[in-house]
C-alpha atoms as a PDB file:
ATOM      1  CA  MET A   1     -10.674  27.783  -9.076  1.00  0.00           C
ATOM      2  CA  HIS A   2      -9.637  30.167  -6.283  1.00  0.00           C
ATOM      3  CA  CYS A   3     -11.344  30.290  -2.961  1.00  0.00           C
ATOM      4  CA  GLN A   4     -10.790  32.940   0.218  1.00  0.00           C
ATOM      5  CA  LEU A   5     -11.345  30.823   3.027  1.00  0.00           C
ATOM      6  CA  ARG A   6     -12.050  32.327   6.790  1.00  0.00           C
ATOM      7  CA  PRO A   7      -8.837  31.377   9.299  1.00  0.00           C
ATOM      8  CA  GLY A   8      -9.025  28.069  10.548  1.00  0.00           C
ATOM      9  CA  PHE A   9     -10.346  26.574   7.282  1.00  0.00           C
ATOM     10  CA  GLN A  10      -8.817  24.421   4.547  1.00  0.00           C
ATOM     11  CA  ALA A  11      -9.545  23.899   1.278  1.00  0.00           C
ATOM     12  CA  GLY A  12      -9.080  20.216  -0.643  1.00  0.00           C
ATOM     13  CA  ILE A  13     -10.135  17.844  -3.402  1.00  0.00           C
ATOM     14  CA  GLU A  14     -11.845  14.933  -3.791  1.00  0.00           C
ATOM     15  CA  LYS A  15     -12.053  12.492  -6.367  1.00  0.00           C
ATOM     16  CA  ILE A  16     -13.912   9.736  -7.713  1.00  0.00           C
ATOM     17  CA  ASN A  17     -12.835   7.827 -10.230  1.00  0.00           C
ATOM     18  CA  LEU A  18     -15.397   4.635 -10.510  1.00  0.00           C
ATOM     19  CA  PHE A  19     -13.292   2.894 -12.678  1.00  0.00           C
ATOM     20  CA  GLU A  20     -10.671   0.126 -12.210  1.00  0.00           C
ATOM     21  CA  PRO A  21      -7.888  -1.666 -14.381  1.00  0.00           C
ATOM     22  CA  GLY A  22      -8.950  -5.000 -15.760  1.00  0.00           C
ATOM     23  CA  ASP A  23      -6.845  -8.298 -15.903  1.00  0.00           C
ATOM     24  CA  GLY A  24      -6.027  -7.484 -20.156  1.00  0.00           C
ATOM     25  CA  PRO A  25      -2.463  -6.432 -20.882  1.00  0.00           C
ATOM     26  CA  ILE A  26      -0.349  -3.963 -20.412  1.00  0.00           C
ATOM     27  CA  LEU A  27      -0.429  -1.601 -23.292  1.00  0.00           C
ATOM     28  CA  GLU A  28       2.577   1.340 -23.666  1.00  0.00           C
ATOM     29  CA  PHE A  29       2.933   3.648 -25.917  1.00  0.00           C
ATOM     30  CA  HIS A  30       6.523   4.998 -27.789  1.00  0.00           C
ATOM     31  CA  LYS A  31       5.415   8.691 -27.388  1.00  0.00           C
ATOM     32  CA  SER A  32       2.845  10.903 -25.636  1.00  0.00           C
ATOM     33  CA  GLY A  33      -0.224  12.587 -27.081  1.00  0.00           C
ATOM     34  CA  PHE A  34      -3.436  12.099 -28.192  1.00  0.00           C
ATOM     35  CA  LYS A  35      -3.852  10.573 -31.659  1.00  0.00           C
ATOM     36  CA  ILE A  36      -1.885   7.391 -31.342  1.00  0.00           C
ATOM     37  CA  LYS A  37      -1.181   5.179 -33.980  1.00  0.00           C
ATOM     38  CA  GLN A  38       0.800   2.452 -32.684  1.00  0.00           C
ATOM     39  CA  VAL A  39       0.980   0.097 -29.011  1.00  0.00           C
ATOM     40  CA  LYS A  40       2.923  -2.424 -27.310  1.00  0.00           C
ATOM     41  CA  VAL A  41       0.497  -4.965 -26.430  1.00  0.00           C
ATOM     42  CA  ASP A  42       2.484  -6.811 -23.023  1.00  0.00           C
ATOM     43  CA  GLY A  43       5.451  -6.143 -25.688  1.00  0.00           C
ATOM     44  CA  GLU A  44       4.550  -6.804 -28.799  1.00  0.00           C
ATOM     45  CA  LEU A  45       4.203  -3.425 -31.116  1.00  0.00           C
ATOM     46  CA  ARG A  46       0.446  -3.345 -32.848  1.00  0.00           C
ATOM     47  CA  ASN A  47      -1.946  -0.719 -34.592  1.00  0.00           C
ATOM     48  CA  PHE A  48      -3.423   0.562 -31.939  1.00  0.00           C
ATOM     49  CA  ALA A  49      -6.985   0.876 -33.898  1.00  0.00           C
ATOM     50  CA  GLU A  50      -6.626  -1.706 -35.125  1.00  0.00           C
ATOM     51  CA  TYR A  51      -5.757  -4.291 -31.951  1.00  0.00           C
ATOM     52  CA  LEU A  52      -9.141  -1.984 -30.361  1.00  0.00           C
ATOM     53  CA  ARG A  53     -11.367  -3.473 -33.278  1.00  0.00           C
ATOM     54  CA  GLU A  54      -9.621  -7.159 -33.129  1.00  0.00           C
ATOM     55  CA  GLU A  55     -10.813  -7.342 -29.725  1.00  0.00           C
ATOM     56  CA  SER A  56     -13.536  -5.796 -29.536  1.00  0.00           C
ATOM     57  CA  VAL A  57     -12.901  -3.524 -27.088  1.00  0.00           C
ATOM     58  CA  ASP A  58     -15.653  -1.043 -25.209  1.00  0.00           C
ATOM     59  CA  THR A  59     -14.439   2.071 -25.852  1.00  0.00           C
ATOM     60  CA  ARG A  60     -16.529   3.788 -23.422  1.00  0.00           C
ATOM     61  CA  LEU A  61     -14.618   2.074 -21.272  1.00  0.00           C
ATOM     62  CA  PRO A  62     -11.333   4.311 -20.671  1.00  0.00           C
ATOM     63  CA  LEU A  63      -7.696   3.128 -20.189  1.00  0.00           C
ATOM     64  CA  ILE A  64      -6.214   3.436 -16.960  1.00  0.00           C
ATOM     65  CA  SER A  65      -2.928   4.364 -16.405  1.00  0.00           C
ATOM     66  CA  GLN A  66      -0.610   1.733 -13.916  1.00  0.00           C
ATOM     67  CA  ASP A  67       2.097   3.998 -13.085  1.00  0.00           C
ATOM     68  CA  GLY A  68       0.364   6.454 -10.676  1.00  0.00           C
ATOM     69  CA  ASP A  69      -3.140   7.859  -9.887  1.00  0.00           C
ATOM     70  CA  ASP A  70      -5.206   5.033 -11.099  1.00  0.00           C
ATOM     71  CA  GLU A  71      -5.904   8.119 -13.864  1.00  0.00           C
ATOM     72  CA  ASN A  72      -8.777   7.560 -17.354  1.00  0.00           C
ATOM     73  CA  VAL A  73      -7.837   8.283 -20.717  1.00  0.00           C
ATOM     74  CA  SER A  74     -10.946   7.851 -22.434  1.00  0.00           C
ATOM     75  CA  PHE A  75     -11.617   7.486 -26.029  1.00  0.00           C
ATOM     76  CA  GLN A  76     -12.563  10.042 -28.891  1.00  0.00           C
ATOM     77  CA  ARG A  77     -12.938   8.078 -31.542  1.00  0.00           C
ATOM     78  CA  VAL A  78     -11.469   4.617 -33.086  1.00  0.00           C
ATOM     79  CA  ASN A  79     -10.008   6.179 -36.841  1.00  0.00           C
ATOM     80  CA  GLU A  80      -9.254   3.136 -39.760  1.00  0.00           C
ATOM     81  CA  ASP A  81      -5.217   3.780 -37.965  1.00  0.00           C
ATOM     82  CA  THR A  82      -5.102   6.044 -35.513  1.00  0.00           C
ATOM     83  CA  VAL A  83      -7.039   6.458 -32.056  1.00  0.00           C
ATOM     84  CA  GLN A  84      -8.326   9.954 -31.087  1.00  0.00           C
ATOM     85  CA  LEU A  85      -7.800  10.307 -27.482  1.00  0.00           C
ATOM     86  CA  TYR A  86      -9.735  12.937 -24.753  1.00  0.00           C
ATOM     87  CA  ALA A  87      -6.583  13.328 -23.021  1.00  0.00           C
ATOM     88  CA  PRO A  88      -3.187  12.322 -23.602  1.00  0.00           C
ATOM     89  CA  VAL A  89      -1.201   8.503 -22.811  1.00  0.00           C
ATOM     90  CA  PHE A  90       2.502   9.043 -21.998  1.00  0.00           C
ATOM     91  CA  LYS A  91       5.284   7.408 -23.643  1.00  0.00           C
ATOM     92  CA  GLU A  92       6.746   4.672 -21.395  1.00  0.00           C
ATOM     93  CA  GLU A  93       3.752   5.186 -18.934  1.00  0.00           C
ATOM     94  CA  ARG A  94       1.913   1.631 -18.680  1.00  0.00           C
ATOM     95  CA  TYR A  95      -1.813   1.286 -18.829  1.00  0.00           C
ATOM     96  CA  ARG A  96      -4.455  -1.353 -18.726  1.00  0.00           C
ATOM     97  CA  LEU A  97      -8.178  -1.445 -20.196  1.00  0.00           C
ATOM     98  CA  ALA A  98     -11.384  -1.014 -17.599  1.00  0.00           C
ATOM     99  CA  LYS A  99     -13.084  -3.353 -16.382  1.00  0.00           C
ATOM    100  CA  GLY A 100     -16.550  -2.583 -16.898  1.00  0.00           C
ATOM    101  CA  LEU A 101     -19.214  -1.896 -14.625  1.00  0.00           C
ATOM    102  CA  THR A 102     -22.687  -3.843 -14.059  1.00  0.00           C
ATOM    103  CA  ASP A 103     -24.286  -0.474 -12.555  1.00  0.00           C
ATOM    104  CA  TYR A 104     -22.624   2.525 -12.492  1.00  0.00           C
ATOM    105  CA  HIS A 105     -25.283   4.904 -11.886  1.00  0.00           C
ATOM    106  CA  SER A 106     -25.454   2.952  -7.949  1.00  0.00           C
ATOM    107  CA  ILE A 107     -21.833   2.599  -7.668  1.00  0.00           C
ATOM    108  CA  LEU A 108     -21.741   6.140  -8.253  1.00  0.00           C
ATOM    109  CA  MET A 109     -24.312   7.004  -5.196  1.00  0.00           C
ATOM    110  CA  ASP A 110     -22.399   4.656  -3.485  1.00  0.00           C
ATOM    111  CA  ARG A 111     -18.957   6.492  -3.522  1.00  0.00           C
ATOM    112  CA  VAL A 112     -21.117   9.847  -3.165  1.00  0.00           C
ATOM    113  CA  LYS A 113     -22.300   8.761   0.183  1.00  0.00           C
ATOM    114  CA  ASN A 114     -18.913   7.493   1.189  1.00  0.00           C
ATOM    115  CA  LEU A 115     -17.411  10.923   0.373  1.00  0.00           C
ATOM    116  CA  ASN A 116     -14.627  11.886   3.327  1.00  0.00           C
ATOM    117  CA  TYR A 117     -16.040  15.228   3.632  1.00  0.00           C
ATOM    118  CA  PRO A 118     -19.427  17.191   2.593  1.00  0.00           C
ATOM    119  CA  SER A 119     -19.275  18.887  -1.389  1.00  0.00           C
ATOM    120  CA  TYR A 120     -19.304  22.200  -1.503  1.00  0.00           C
ATOM    121  CA  PHE A 121     -18.895  22.218  -5.443  1.00  0.00           C
ATOM    122  CA  SER A 122     -17.909  19.264  -7.841  1.00  0.00           C
ATOM    123  CA  CYS A 123     -17.223  19.187 -11.407  1.00  0.00           C
ATOM    124  CA  ASN A 124     -18.616  16.028 -13.562  1.00  0.00           C
ATOM    125  CA  CYS A 125     -16.847  15.137 -16.896  1.00  0.00           C
ATOM    126  CA  ILE A 126     -19.436  15.079 -19.486  1.00  0.00           C
ATOM    127  CA  LEU A 127     -18.423  11.617 -21.049  1.00  0.00           C
ATOM    128  CA  ASN A 128     -20.232   9.903 -17.662  1.00  0.00           C
ATOM    129  CA  TYR A 129     -22.974  11.392 -19.031  1.00  0.00           C
ATOM    130  CA  LYS A 130     -22.136  10.453 -22.724  1.00  0.00           C
ATOM    131  CA  ASN A 131     -21.028   7.118 -22.094  1.00  0.00           C
ATOM    132  CA  ASP A 132     -22.902   5.910 -18.854  1.00  0.00           C
ATOM    133  CA  ASN A 133     -26.408   7.618 -19.367  1.00  0.00           C
ATOM    134  CA  LEU A 134     -26.571   9.736 -16.135  1.00  0.00           C
ATOM    135  CA  THR A 135     -28.986  12.116 -18.077  1.00  0.00           C
ATOM    136  CA  ASP A 136     -31.867  12.884 -15.869  1.00  0.00           C
ATOM    137  CA  LYS A 137     -30.017  10.856 -12.732  1.00  0.00           C
ATOM    138  CA  ASP A 138     -29.832  12.322  -9.353  1.00  0.00           C
ATOM    139  CA  ILE A 139     -26.275  12.546  -8.214  1.00  0.00           C
ATOM    140  CA  GLY A 140     -26.325  13.533  -4.617  1.00  0.00           C
ATOM    141  CA  GLU A 141     -24.570  16.255  -3.433  1.00  0.00           C
ATOM    142  CA  LEU A 142     -22.382  16.668  -6.393  1.00  0.00           C
ATOM    143  CA  SER A 143     -23.923  20.059  -7.657  1.00  0.00           C
ATOM    144  CA  GLY A 144     -21.216  21.662 -10.075  1.00  0.00           C
ATOM    145  CA  PRO A 145     -20.737  22.045 -14.124  1.00  0.00           C
ATOM    146  CA  VAL A 146     -20.505  19.037 -16.429  1.00  0.00           C
ATOM    147  CA  THR A 147     -17.386  19.614 -17.960  1.00  0.00           C
ATOM    148  CA  PHE A 148     -14.478  18.230 -18.994  1.00  0.00           C
ATOM    149  CA  GLY A 149     -12.111  17.995 -16.106  1.00  0.00           C
ATOM    150  CA  GLU A 150      -8.457  19.348 -15.344  1.00  0.00           C
ATOM    151  CA  ILE A 151      -6.507  19.782 -12.298  1.00  0.00           C
ATOM    152  CA  SER A 152      -3.285  21.922 -12.146  1.00  0.00           C
ATOM    153  CA  ASN A 153      -3.689  20.959 -16.156  1.00  0.00           C
ATOM    154  CA  HIS A 154      -3.643  17.985 -15.896  1.00  0.00           C
ATOM    155  CA  LEU A 155      -6.548  16.112 -17.832  1.00  0.00           C
ATOM    156  CA  LEU A 156      -9.001  13.747 -16.303  1.00  0.00           C
ATOM    157  CA  ASN A 157     -11.704  11.751 -17.885  1.00  0.00           C
ATOM    158  CA  GLN A 158     -14.718  10.212 -16.787  1.00  0.00           C
ATOM    159  CA  THR A 159     -14.168  11.493 -12.976  1.00  0.00           C
ATOM    160  CA  PHE A 160     -15.755  13.316 -10.627  1.00  0.00           C
ATOM    161  CA  VAL A 161     -13.500  16.126  -8.635  1.00  0.00           C
ATOM    162  CA  SER A 162     -15.325  17.589  -5.358  1.00  0.00           C
ATOM    163  CA  LEU A 163     -14.356  20.342  -3.594  1.00  0.00           C
ATOM    164  CA  TYR A 164     -14.798  20.620   0.265  1.00  0.00           C
ATOM    165  CA  ILE A 165     -14.139  22.858   3.174  1.00  0.00           C
ATOM    166  CA  LYS A 166     -12.854  21.696   6.959  1.00  0.00           C
ATOM    167  CA  GLU A 167     -11.820  23.213   9.913  1.00  0.00           C
ATOM    168  CA  ALA A 168      -7.455  23.130   9.639  1.00  0.00           C
END
């Protein structure tokens, strides 16, 4: 999106990510990509799909990067021996599975009320509706399309991104 602003104003973005890393093992991948076969679980090499099934992982909850901005990587499907993701994992980056949320909508509304600036436009990842039942629920001032999220060619899963405008 490109915004032309009057002199004296500046635009910025604010991300809302409701998920936090869980207390489970560190997950690392030997290659970057969307389709993953193997994972290191606390250093032990495992088949990723088998690991998720054995641990009864709720794949509505994303992986969360531990080496940066706590960004989500969401699961598309778990096949017999591979896992398909909606965003890529990166080689040698560390991840954890997210903690579960007790009331996604209430937590979201609390975060919306605490935005630093008024939202003029926002994008909401469609997985928030698919996985967290936001259909027909008020999401406050987060108006804009429901889509897959991306900022500067970087995919953002299960995240809200909001545009704000403020005086410089």
